N, C-alpha and C. Protein backbone atom coordinates (compact mmCIF):
# COMPACT_ATOMS: atom_id res chain seq x y z
N GLY A 1 -8.73 21.45 20.42
CA GLY A 1 -9.98 21.97 20.02
C GLY A 1 -10.99 20.86 19.68
N TYR A 2 -10.79 19.63 20.12
CA TYR A 2 -11.74 18.56 19.87
C TYR A 2 -12.10 17.90 21.20
N PRO A 3 -13.22 17.22 21.26
CA PRO A 3 -13.61 16.58 22.52
C PRO A 3 -12.57 15.54 22.95
N LEU A 4 -12.32 15.51 24.24
CA LEU A 4 -11.31 14.62 24.79
C LEU A 4 -11.66 13.15 24.58
N TYR A 5 -12.93 12.82 24.64
CA TYR A 5 -13.35 11.43 24.51
C TYR A 5 -13.32 10.94 23.06
N LEU A 6 -13.21 11.86 22.11
CA LEU A 6 -13.07 11.45 20.72
C LEU A 6 -11.74 10.72 20.51
N SER A 7 -10.68 11.22 21.12
CA SER A 7 -9.38 10.55 20.99
C SER A 7 -9.38 9.20 21.69
N GLU A 8 -10.16 9.08 22.77
CA GLU A 8 -10.28 7.78 23.43
C GLU A 8 -10.99 6.78 22.52
N THR A 9 -12.05 7.23 21.87
CA THR A 9 -12.80 6.36 20.96
C THR A 9 -11.95 5.94 19.77
N ILE A 10 -11.20 6.87 19.22
CA ILE A 10 -10.32 6.55 18.09
C ILE A 10 -9.25 5.55 18.52
N SER A 11 -8.69 5.74 19.71
CA SER A 11 -7.68 4.81 20.22
C SER A 11 -8.26 3.41 20.38
N ARG A 12 -9.49 3.32 20.88
CA ARG A 12 -10.13 2.02 21.05
C ARG A 12 -10.40 1.36 19.69
N PHE A 13 -10.79 2.14 18.68
CA PHE A 13 -10.99 1.60 17.34
C PHE A 13 -9.69 1.06 16.76
N VAL A 14 -8.59 1.77 16.99
CA VAL A 14 -7.29 1.32 16.48
C VAL A 14 -6.89 0.01 17.15
N TYR A 15 -7.05 -0.07 18.48
CA TYR A 15 -6.72 -1.31 19.18
C TYR A 15 -7.64 -2.45 18.76
N PHE A 16 -8.92 -2.15 18.51
CA PHE A 16 -9.86 -3.16 18.02
C PHE A 16 -9.39 -3.70 16.67
N GLY A 17 -9.04 -2.81 15.75
CA GLY A 17 -8.58 -3.24 14.44
C GLY A 17 -7.29 -4.04 14.50
N ARG A 18 -6.40 -3.62 15.37
CA ARG A 18 -5.13 -4.33 15.51
C ARG A 18 -5.37 -5.74 16.07
N LEU A 19 -6.24 -5.83 17.05
CA LEU A 19 -6.56 -7.14 17.62
C LEU A 19 -7.23 -8.05 16.59
N VAL A 20 -8.17 -7.52 15.82
CA VAL A 20 -8.84 -8.32 14.79
C VAL A 20 -7.81 -8.83 13.79
N ALA A 21 -6.92 -7.97 13.33
CA ALA A 21 -5.92 -8.38 12.33
C ALA A 21 -4.99 -9.47 12.87
N ILE A 22 -4.50 -9.29 14.09
CA ILE A 22 -3.58 -10.27 14.65
C ILE A 22 -4.28 -11.59 14.94
N LEU A 23 -5.50 -11.53 15.45
CA LEU A 23 -6.24 -12.77 15.72
C LEU A 23 -6.64 -13.49 14.43
N CYS A 24 -6.90 -12.74 13.36
CA CYS A 24 -7.18 -13.39 12.07
C CYS A 24 -5.95 -14.11 11.54
N LEU A 25 -4.78 -13.51 11.69
CA LEU A 25 -3.55 -14.20 11.28
C LEU A 25 -3.35 -15.46 12.12
N PHE A 26 -3.60 -15.35 13.41
CA PHE A 26 -3.46 -16.50 14.30
C PHE A 26 -4.41 -17.62 13.90
N THR A 27 -5.66 -17.27 13.63
CA THR A 27 -6.65 -18.29 13.29
C THR A 27 -6.37 -18.91 11.94
N SER A 28 -5.85 -18.13 11.00
CA SER A 28 -5.53 -18.72 9.70
C SER A 28 -4.47 -19.80 9.84
N GLY A 29 -3.59 -19.64 10.81
CA GLY A 29 -2.60 -20.68 11.07
C GLY A 29 -3.20 -21.91 11.70
N LEU A 30 -4.30 -21.75 12.42
CA LEU A 30 -4.96 -22.91 13.02
C LEU A 30 -5.52 -23.83 11.95
N PHE A 31 -6.00 -23.26 10.85
CA PHE A 31 -6.56 -24.08 9.77
C PHE A 31 -5.48 -24.94 9.12
N SER A 32 -4.23 -24.48 9.14
CA SER A 32 -3.16 -25.28 8.55
C SER A 32 -2.79 -26.47 9.43
N THR A 33 -3.17 -26.42 10.70
CA THR A 33 -2.84 -27.53 11.59
C THR A 33 -3.93 -28.58 11.67
N GLY A 34 -5.06 -28.37 10.96
CA GLY A 34 -6.05 -29.42 10.88
C GLY A 34 -7.45 -29.06 11.33
N ILE A 35 -7.69 -27.85 11.78
CA ILE A 35 -9.06 -27.46 12.14
C ILE A 35 -9.86 -27.30 10.86
N THR A 36 -11.07 -27.82 10.85
CA THR A 36 -11.87 -27.82 9.62
C THR A 36 -12.35 -26.42 9.27
N PHE A 37 -12.58 -26.20 7.98
CA PHE A 37 -13.02 -24.91 7.47
C PHE A 37 -14.48 -24.63 7.78
N GLN A 38 -15.23 -25.63 8.21
CA GLN A 38 -16.64 -25.40 8.51
C GLN A 38 -16.81 -24.49 9.72
N LYS A 39 -15.82 -24.41 10.56
CA LYS A 39 -15.89 -23.59 11.77
C LYS A 39 -15.40 -22.16 11.53
N GLN A 40 -15.16 -21.80 10.29
CA GLN A 40 -14.57 -20.52 9.95
C GLN A 40 -15.43 -19.35 10.39
N ASP A 41 -16.73 -19.42 10.19
CA ASP A 41 -17.60 -18.30 10.55
C ASP A 41 -17.69 -18.13 12.06
N SER A 42 -17.67 -19.22 12.80
CA SER A 42 -17.72 -19.10 14.26
C SER A 42 -16.42 -18.51 14.80
N PHE A 43 -15.29 -18.83 14.15
CA PHE A 43 -14.03 -18.22 14.56
C PHE A 43 -14.02 -16.72 14.33
N LEU A 44 -14.56 -16.30 13.18
CA LEU A 44 -14.60 -14.87 12.89
C LEU A 44 -15.48 -14.13 13.88
N LEU A 45 -16.61 -14.70 14.23
CA LEU A 45 -17.48 -14.10 15.22
C LEU A 45 -16.80 -14.03 16.58
N LEU A 46 -16.09 -15.10 16.94
CA LEU A 46 -15.36 -15.12 18.21
C LEU A 46 -14.24 -14.09 18.22
N ILE A 47 -13.54 -13.92 17.09
CA ILE A 47 -12.47 -12.92 16.99
C ILE A 47 -13.03 -11.52 17.20
N ILE A 48 -14.13 -11.21 16.55
CA ILE A 48 -14.73 -9.88 16.69
C ILE A 48 -15.20 -9.65 18.12
N LEU A 49 -15.78 -10.67 18.73
CA LEU A 49 -16.25 -10.55 20.11
C LEU A 49 -15.09 -10.34 21.08
N ILE A 50 -14.04 -11.14 20.96
CA ILE A 50 -12.87 -11.00 21.83
C ILE A 50 -12.22 -9.64 21.64
N SER A 51 -12.07 -9.21 20.39
CA SER A 51 -11.45 -7.92 20.12
C SER A 51 -12.28 -6.77 20.68
N PHE A 52 -13.60 -6.87 20.55
CA PHE A 52 -14.47 -5.82 21.09
C PHE A 52 -14.38 -5.75 22.61
N VAL A 53 -14.41 -6.91 23.26
CA VAL A 53 -14.35 -6.93 24.73
C VAL A 53 -13.00 -6.39 25.22
N LEU A 54 -11.92 -6.84 24.60
CA LEU A 54 -10.60 -6.38 25.03
C LEU A 54 -10.39 -4.89 24.76
N SER A 55 -10.77 -4.44 23.56
CA SER A 55 -10.53 -3.03 23.24
C SER A 55 -11.44 -2.10 24.04
N SER A 56 -12.60 -2.56 24.43
CA SER A 56 -13.47 -1.69 25.23
C SER A 56 -13.09 -1.69 26.69
N ASN A 57 -12.31 -2.67 27.13
CA ASN A 57 -11.91 -2.73 28.54
C ASN A 57 -10.46 -2.31 28.79
N ILE A 58 -9.75 -1.92 27.75
CA ILE A 58 -8.39 -1.44 27.92
C ILE A 58 -8.45 -0.09 28.65
N PRO A 59 -7.70 0.05 29.74
CA PRO A 59 -7.69 1.36 30.40
C PRO A 59 -6.94 2.38 29.55
N ILE A 60 -7.60 3.46 29.20
CA ILE A 60 -7.01 4.51 28.36
C ILE A 60 -6.67 5.71 29.24
N ASP A 61 -5.43 6.17 29.15
CA ASP A 61 -4.99 7.35 29.87
C ASP A 61 -5.19 8.56 28.96
N LEU A 62 -6.19 9.36 29.26
CA LEU A 62 -6.54 10.49 28.39
C LEU A 62 -5.50 11.61 28.41
N PHE A 63 -4.62 11.59 29.39
CA PHE A 63 -3.64 12.67 29.51
C PHE A 63 -2.26 12.28 28.99
N LYS A 64 -2.15 11.08 28.41
CA LYS A 64 -0.88 10.62 27.85
C LYS A 64 -1.08 10.34 26.37
N THR A 65 -0.29 10.98 25.52
CA THR A 65 -0.38 10.76 24.08
C THR A 65 0.84 9.97 23.65
N ASP A 66 0.58 8.91 22.89
CA ASP A 66 1.62 8.02 22.40
C ASP A 66 2.36 8.65 21.23
N THR A 67 3.36 7.94 20.72
CA THR A 67 4.11 8.44 19.57
C THR A 67 3.27 8.58 18.33
N ILE A 68 2.30 7.71 18.17
CA ILE A 68 1.48 7.74 16.96
C ILE A 68 0.15 8.45 17.21
N LEU A 69 0.16 9.35 18.18
CA LEU A 69 -0.96 10.22 18.51
C LEU A 69 -2.18 9.47 19.04
N LEU A 70 -1.98 8.25 19.51
CA LEU A 70 -3.03 7.54 20.22
C LEU A 70 -2.90 7.86 21.70
N LYS A 71 -3.99 7.73 22.39
CA LYS A 71 -3.93 7.88 23.84
C LYS A 71 -3.30 6.63 24.42
N GLY A 72 -2.45 6.81 25.42
CA GLY A 72 -1.73 5.69 26.03
C GLY A 72 -2.65 4.80 26.83
N THR A 73 -2.23 3.56 26.96
CA THR A 73 -3.00 2.62 27.76
C THR A 73 -2.34 2.47 29.11
N GLY A 74 -3.12 2.07 30.07
CA GLY A 74 -2.58 1.84 31.40
C GLY A 74 -1.69 0.62 31.44
N SER A 75 -1.89 -0.28 30.49
CA SER A 75 -1.10 -1.52 30.44
C SER A 75 -0.44 -1.65 29.06
N GLU A 76 0.29 -0.62 28.69
CA GLU A 76 0.87 -0.58 27.34
C GLU A 76 1.83 -1.73 27.07
N TYR A 77 2.71 -2.01 28.03
CA TYR A 77 3.66 -3.10 27.83
C TYR A 77 2.95 -4.45 27.82
N GLY A 78 1.91 -4.59 28.63
CA GLY A 78 1.14 -5.82 28.63
C GLY A 78 0.46 -6.07 27.31
N MET A 79 -0.12 -5.02 26.72
CA MET A 79 -0.78 -5.16 25.42
C MET A 79 0.24 -5.51 24.34
N ASN A 80 1.39 -4.86 24.37
CA ASN A 80 2.42 -5.16 23.36
C ASN A 80 2.92 -6.59 23.48
N ILE A 81 3.03 -7.09 24.70
CA ILE A 81 3.46 -8.48 24.90
C ILE A 81 2.40 -9.43 24.33
N VAL A 82 1.13 -9.13 24.57
CA VAL A 82 0.05 -9.96 24.02
C VAL A 82 0.10 -9.95 22.49
N PHE A 83 0.28 -8.76 21.89
CA PHE A 83 0.35 -8.66 20.43
C PHE A 83 1.51 -9.48 19.88
N ILE A 84 2.67 -9.34 20.49
CA ILE A 84 3.86 -10.06 20.01
C ILE A 84 3.71 -11.56 20.18
N LEU A 85 3.17 -12.00 21.33
CA LEU A 85 2.97 -13.43 21.55
C LEU A 85 1.99 -14.04 20.54
N LEU A 86 0.90 -13.33 20.26
CA LEU A 86 -0.06 -13.84 19.27
C LEU A 86 0.57 -13.94 17.89
N GLN A 87 1.41 -12.98 17.55
CA GLN A 87 2.08 -13.03 16.25
C GLN A 87 3.09 -14.17 16.20
N LEU A 88 3.79 -14.41 17.30
CA LEU A 88 4.72 -15.55 17.34
C LEU A 88 3.98 -16.88 17.26
N PHE A 89 2.84 -16.97 17.93
CA PHE A 89 2.03 -18.19 17.83
C PHE A 89 1.48 -18.38 16.43
N SER A 90 1.21 -17.29 15.73
CA SER A 90 0.75 -17.39 14.34
C SER A 90 1.83 -18.00 13.46
N ILE A 91 3.05 -17.56 13.66
CA ILE A 91 4.18 -18.11 12.90
C ILE A 91 4.38 -19.58 13.26
N LEU A 92 4.26 -19.88 14.54
CA LEU A 92 4.41 -21.26 15.01
C LEU A 92 3.32 -22.17 14.45
N ASN A 93 2.10 -21.66 14.31
CA ASN A 93 1.01 -22.45 13.73
C ASN A 93 1.35 -22.93 12.33
N PHE A 94 1.89 -22.05 11.50
CA PHE A 94 2.24 -22.44 10.14
C PHE A 94 3.44 -23.37 10.11
N THR A 95 4.36 -23.19 11.06
CA THR A 95 5.51 -24.10 11.14
C THR A 95 5.04 -25.51 11.52
N VAL A 96 4.14 -25.58 12.49
CA VAL A 96 3.57 -26.87 12.88
C VAL A 96 2.76 -27.46 11.72
N GLY A 97 2.04 -26.60 10.99
CA GLY A 97 1.28 -27.06 9.83
C GLY A 97 2.19 -27.65 8.76
N ALA A 98 3.38 -27.06 8.59
CA ALA A 98 4.34 -27.59 7.61
C ALA A 98 4.83 -28.97 8.01
N ILE A 99 5.08 -29.13 9.31
CA ILE A 99 5.56 -30.43 9.80
C ILE A 99 4.43 -31.46 9.75
N LYS A 100 3.25 -31.07 10.20
CA LYS A 100 2.12 -32.00 10.26
C LYS A 100 1.66 -32.44 8.88
N ASN A 101 1.60 -31.51 7.93
CA ASN A 101 1.14 -31.82 6.58
C ASN A 101 2.28 -32.26 5.65
N ASN A 102 3.50 -32.23 6.16
CA ASN A 102 4.68 -32.57 5.37
C ASN A 102 4.70 -31.77 4.07
N ASN A 103 4.47 -30.45 4.21
CA ASN A 103 4.38 -29.56 3.06
C ASN A 103 5.19 -28.30 3.38
N SER A 104 6.26 -28.10 2.64
CA SER A 104 7.14 -26.95 2.91
C SER A 104 6.52 -25.62 2.49
N GLU A 105 5.39 -25.65 1.75
CA GLU A 105 4.73 -24.41 1.34
C GLU A 105 4.24 -23.63 2.57
N TYR A 106 3.91 -24.34 3.63
CA TYR A 106 3.45 -23.67 4.85
C TYR A 106 4.56 -22.86 5.51
N LEU A 107 5.81 -23.25 5.24
CA LEU A 107 6.93 -22.46 5.78
C LEU A 107 6.99 -21.09 5.11
N PHE A 108 6.61 -21.02 3.84
CA PHE A 108 6.54 -19.72 3.17
C PHE A 108 5.41 -18.87 3.76
N LEU A 109 4.32 -19.54 4.14
CA LEU A 109 3.24 -18.81 4.83
C LEU A 109 3.74 -18.28 6.17
N ALA A 110 4.54 -19.07 6.88
CA ALA A 110 5.12 -18.62 8.14
C ALA A 110 6.04 -17.43 7.91
N LEU A 111 6.81 -17.47 6.81
CA LEU A 111 7.67 -16.34 6.47
C LEU A 111 6.83 -15.10 6.17
N GLY A 112 5.75 -15.27 5.41
CA GLY A 112 4.86 -14.14 5.11
C GLY A 112 4.27 -13.54 6.37
N VAL A 113 3.82 -14.38 7.29
CA VAL A 113 3.27 -13.89 8.56
C VAL A 113 4.35 -13.20 9.38
N ALA A 114 5.56 -13.74 9.36
CA ALA A 114 6.67 -13.10 10.10
C ALA A 114 6.97 -11.71 9.53
N LEU A 115 6.95 -11.57 8.21
CA LEU A 115 7.19 -10.26 7.60
C LEU A 115 6.06 -9.29 7.93
N ILE A 116 4.82 -9.79 7.90
CA ILE A 116 3.68 -8.94 8.26
C ILE A 116 3.78 -8.51 9.72
N ALA A 117 4.12 -9.44 10.60
CA ALA A 117 4.23 -9.13 12.03
C ALA A 117 5.34 -8.11 12.29
N ALA A 118 6.49 -8.31 11.65
CA ALA A 118 7.60 -7.38 11.85
C ALA A 118 7.24 -6.00 11.31
N GLY A 119 6.66 -5.96 10.13
CA GLY A 119 6.25 -4.68 9.56
C GLY A 119 5.21 -3.99 10.41
N ASN A 120 4.27 -4.76 10.94
CA ASN A 120 3.22 -4.21 11.80
C ASN A 120 3.82 -3.60 13.07
N GLU A 121 4.74 -4.31 13.70
CA GLU A 121 5.33 -3.81 14.94
C GLU A 121 6.16 -2.54 14.70
N PHE A 122 6.99 -2.55 13.66
CA PHE A 122 7.82 -1.38 13.39
C PHE A 122 6.99 -0.19 12.91
N LEU A 123 5.96 -0.45 12.13
CA LEU A 123 5.13 0.64 11.64
C LEU A 123 4.27 1.22 12.75
N PHE A 124 3.88 0.39 13.69
CA PHE A 124 3.06 0.88 14.81
C PHE A 124 3.89 1.77 15.73
N LEU A 125 5.20 1.58 15.74
CA LEU A 125 6.07 2.47 16.52
C LEU A 125 6.25 3.81 15.83
N LEU A 126 6.01 3.84 14.52
CA LEU A 126 6.11 5.03 13.69
C LEU A 126 7.46 5.73 13.86
N ILE A 127 8.50 4.97 13.63
CA ILE A 127 9.84 5.52 13.68
C ILE A 127 10.08 6.22 12.35
N PRO A 128 10.39 7.51 12.36
CA PRO A 128 10.56 8.21 11.08
C PRO A 128 11.81 7.75 10.33
N GLY A 129 11.77 7.90 9.04
CA GLY A 129 12.93 7.59 8.23
C GLY A 129 12.83 6.26 7.52
N TRP A 130 13.98 5.67 7.29
CA TRP A 130 14.07 4.48 6.47
C TRP A 130 13.49 3.25 7.16
N ILE A 131 13.41 3.24 8.49
CA ILE A 131 12.84 2.08 9.18
C ILE A 131 11.34 1.96 8.88
N SER A 132 10.64 3.10 8.83
CA SER A 132 9.22 3.06 8.46
C SER A 132 9.04 2.59 7.02
N LEU A 133 9.93 2.99 6.14
CA LEU A 133 9.87 2.53 4.76
C LEU A 133 10.10 1.02 4.69
N LEU A 134 11.07 0.52 5.46
CA LEU A 134 11.31 -0.93 5.50
C LEU A 134 10.10 -1.67 6.08
N ALA A 135 9.42 -1.06 7.04
CA ALA A 135 8.23 -1.69 7.63
C ALA A 135 7.12 -1.80 6.60
N ILE A 136 6.93 -0.76 5.80
CA ILE A 136 5.91 -0.80 4.75
C ILE A 136 6.27 -1.84 3.69
N ILE A 137 7.53 -1.90 3.31
CA ILE A 137 7.98 -2.90 2.34
C ILE A 137 7.80 -4.31 2.91
N SER A 138 8.07 -4.47 4.21
CA SER A 138 7.90 -5.76 4.87
C SER A 138 6.43 -6.18 4.88
N LEU A 139 5.53 -5.24 5.16
CA LEU A 139 4.10 -5.54 5.14
C LEU A 139 3.63 -5.95 3.74
N ILE A 140 4.06 -5.22 2.74
CA ILE A 140 3.65 -5.51 1.36
C ILE A 140 4.22 -6.86 0.90
N THR A 141 5.49 -7.09 1.18
CA THR A 141 6.12 -8.35 0.79
C THR A 141 5.48 -9.53 1.50
N GLY A 142 5.25 -9.41 2.79
CA GLY A 142 4.61 -10.48 3.54
C GLY A 142 3.21 -10.78 3.04
N THR A 143 2.46 -9.74 2.71
CA THR A 143 1.10 -9.93 2.19
C THR A 143 1.13 -10.62 0.83
N ILE A 144 2.06 -10.25 -0.03
CA ILE A 144 2.18 -10.88 -1.35
C ILE A 144 2.55 -12.36 -1.21
N ILE A 145 3.54 -12.64 -0.36
CA ILE A 145 3.96 -14.03 -0.15
C ILE A 145 2.80 -14.85 0.42
N PHE A 146 2.12 -14.30 1.43
CA PHE A 146 1.03 -15.01 2.07
C PHE A 146 -0.12 -15.26 1.08
N GLY A 147 -0.48 -14.25 0.32
CA GLY A 147 -1.56 -14.40 -0.64
C GLY A 147 -1.22 -15.39 -1.75
N TYR A 148 -0.02 -15.28 -2.29
CA TYR A 148 0.40 -16.17 -3.38
C TYR A 148 0.47 -17.62 -2.92
N LYS A 149 1.09 -17.85 -1.77
CA LYS A 149 1.25 -19.23 -1.29
C LYS A 149 -0.08 -19.83 -0.85
N THR A 150 -0.97 -19.01 -0.26
CA THR A 150 -2.29 -19.52 0.10
C THR A 150 -3.05 -19.92 -1.15
N HIS A 151 -2.96 -19.11 -2.18
CA HIS A 151 -3.61 -19.43 -3.45
C HIS A 151 -3.03 -20.71 -4.04
N LYS A 152 -1.72 -20.86 -3.96
CA LYS A 152 -1.06 -22.04 -4.52
C LYS A 152 -1.40 -23.31 -3.73
N ILE A 153 -1.45 -23.21 -2.41
CA ILE A 153 -1.74 -24.39 -1.59
C ILE A 153 -3.17 -24.88 -1.81
N TYR A 154 -4.12 -23.96 -1.81
CA TYR A 154 -5.52 -24.35 -1.90
C TYR A 154 -6.07 -24.31 -3.33
N GLN A 155 -5.24 -23.92 -4.31
CA GLN A 155 -5.58 -23.93 -5.73
C GLN A 155 -6.89 -23.20 -6.04
N TRP A 156 -7.02 -21.97 -5.53
CA TRP A 156 -8.20 -21.18 -5.83
C TRP A 156 -8.08 -20.63 -7.24
N THR A 157 -9.20 -20.49 -7.92
CA THR A 157 -9.17 -19.96 -9.28
C THR A 157 -9.64 -18.54 -9.30
């Protein structure tokens, strides 16, 4: 009882948000490897632009509904591979940052990003039961670790 293109628009918004979140995690890892903070605003603008272009050009199949009530994409496996690779590169960025800066605190940031990535992937599948609960706990734990260690590394007040 709702317009068919409304579900397409909602699906594109969800993919846009997911892309922005994953690319922000990836870029935060770039700063640990030595990219200066002065370029932070240009990175955010670039992230929003890339996410908008990708999410608006994803082929949406209006007649296929996913498990989480999103409309399916024509390249669903391709998008999932891109999401997973970006999350793995985010973890790798913090690992390289730990080695380059000789600071083991960045390994905790990598752990936090890994927990966020795992929780994101399992929650996006929306598997009912205890796995979804573990995904939510993983997201919360990863966010707490990431926030606490970022605060500790950069000594924000």
